[in-house]
Amino acid sequence: MRTSSPASRSGTRDCRGEGRLEDDGWRVRKDGSTFWANVVFSAIRDQSGHLRGFAKLTRDLTERRKVEAALTDATSVAEKANLAKSEFLSSMSHELRSPLNAILGFAQLMESESPRDTRPEGEHRADPPRGMVPAAADQRDPRPRGHRVRKALAVR
């Protein structure tokens, strides 16, 4: 931990050439307590440019440092909350999208004027009543009529 006297001595040496020196660090008050401070050393010169002395300004930055630490903590908490919100929304979006897609598909199917037959070509729905079947259709499929009905019902 630095005290004011060594910082003052090193500050005056460095300040001679450059004319100004600034430093942040721990300092000790006259009562022995420590505090975070900003110290500025400035060289004082006369009209001819000869060094006449030094000025030292010390600012107590304890409160500022506490506020910066609180701000850093609050930022960290806010970032964690934002990440949790994003994860929740992503999860809920996925959980809702799957069932809603199925509902949307069924709604579009119900809205359409003629529902599409999704069976492969060549497979038919249940045969129409006996009097409605053209004679040519009976000749195309040599299997008994009941076999075709059982096959159509099994597809459903």
Foldseek 3Di string as FASTA:
>chain_A
DDEPVVCVVVQVVVCVVVQKDKDWDWYADPVGDIFTKIKMKGFDADPVGHTDGIDIDIDGCRVVVVVVVVVVVVVVVVVVVVVVVVVVVVVVCVVVVVVVVVVVVVVVQVPDPDHDDPDDPPQDAADDPPVPDDPVVCVVDVDDNVVSRVRNVVVD
